[in-house]
C-alpha cells in the first residue's frame, strides 16, 4: 500500500482486529508495527496516524 494512496484522514477498512502498519512508504515509511484493536472497532498508528477501522462485515472473533 503506497503512502501516496493513503490519506491519513480516511480510515483503512480491515477485516481483522490485529493489523500491521509500516507507513506505506517502503524505505521512507516507519518500522513495521502490529496494532491490536482489542474490543474497539478502530486503532490509530502512533507513527503515521493512519486509522484502521474494522469492517462491519468482519466476524466478531476476527483476529
Protein backbone atom coordinates (compact mmCIF):
# COMPACT_ATOMS: atom_id res chain seq x y z
CA UNK A 1 0.00 0.00 0.00
CA UNK A 2 1.62 3.23 -1.12
CA UNK A 3 1.71 6.21 1.23
CA UNK A 4 0.71 8.42 -1.69
CA UNK A 5 -2.50 6.41 -1.99
CA UNK A 6 -3.33 6.73 1.69
CA UNK A 7 -4.91 9.86 3.10
CA UNK A 8 -4.42 9.77 6.89
CA UNK A 9 -7.88 11.34 7.22
CA UNK A 10 -9.56 8.38 5.53
CA UNK A 11 -9.66 5.15 7.57
CA UNK A 12 -8.31 1.94 6.10
CA UNK A 13 -11.09 -0.67 6.32
CA UNK A 14 -9.83 -4.05 7.57
CA UNK A 15 -11.41 -7.41 8.37
CA UNK A 16 -9.19 -8.37 11.33
CA UNK A 17 -8.68 -6.73 14.73
CA UNK A 18 -4.88 -7.13 14.50
CA UNK A 19 -3.19 -5.22 11.69
CA UNK A 20 0.35 -4.31 10.66
CA UNK A 21 1.44 -0.84 9.58
CA UNK A 22 4.75 0.25 8.06
CA UNK A 23 3.67 3.71 6.95
CA UNK A 24 3.26 2.52 3.38
CA UNK A 25 6.34 4.36 2.20
CA UNK A 26 8.80 1.49 1.77
CA UNK A 27 12.19 2.78 2.91
CA UNK A 28 10.54 6.13 3.68
CA UNK A 29 7.91 4.57 5.94
CA UNK A 30 8.42 3.56 9.56
CA UNK A 31 9.23 0.31 11.40
CA UNK A 32 6.55 -2.33 10.95
CA UNK A 33 4.24 -2.12 13.92
CA UNK A 34 1.44 -4.51 14.85
CA UNK A 35 -1.69 -2.85 16.17
CA UNK A 36 -4.46 -4.62 18.08
CA UNK A 37 -7.93 -3.11 18.37
CA UNK A 38 -8.88 -5.15 21.41
CA UNK A 39 -12.62 -4.61 21.95
CA UNK A 40 -12.64 -1.36 19.94
CA UNK A 41 -13.55 -1.14 16.26
CA UNK A 42 -10.61 1.02 15.23
CA UNK A 43 -6.97 1.72 16.04
CA UNK A 44 -4.58 4.53 15.06
CA UNK A 45 -0.91 4.03 14.21
CA UNK A 46 1.24 6.01 16.63
CA UNK A 47 3.88 6.65 13.96
CA UNK A 48 1.93 7.87 10.95
CA UNK A 49 -1.62 8.44 12.17
CA UNK A 50 -3.28 6.02 9.75
CA UNK A 51 -6.60 4.87 11.21
CA UNK A 52 -7.56 1.22 10.71
CA UNK A 53 -11.28 0.60 11.07
CA UNK A 54 -12.94 -2.80 11.41
CA UNK A 55 -15.33 -3.63 8.59
CA UNK A 56 -18.98 -4.06 9.50
CA UNK A 57 -18.80 -7.40 7.68
CA UNK A 58 -15.96 -8.73 9.84
CA UNK A 59 -16.72 -11.69 12.08
CA UNK A 60 -16.92 -10.95 15.82
CA UNK A 61 -13.92 -13.14 16.56
CA UNK A 62 -11.78 -11.82 13.68
CA UNK A 63 -8.12 -11.53 14.65
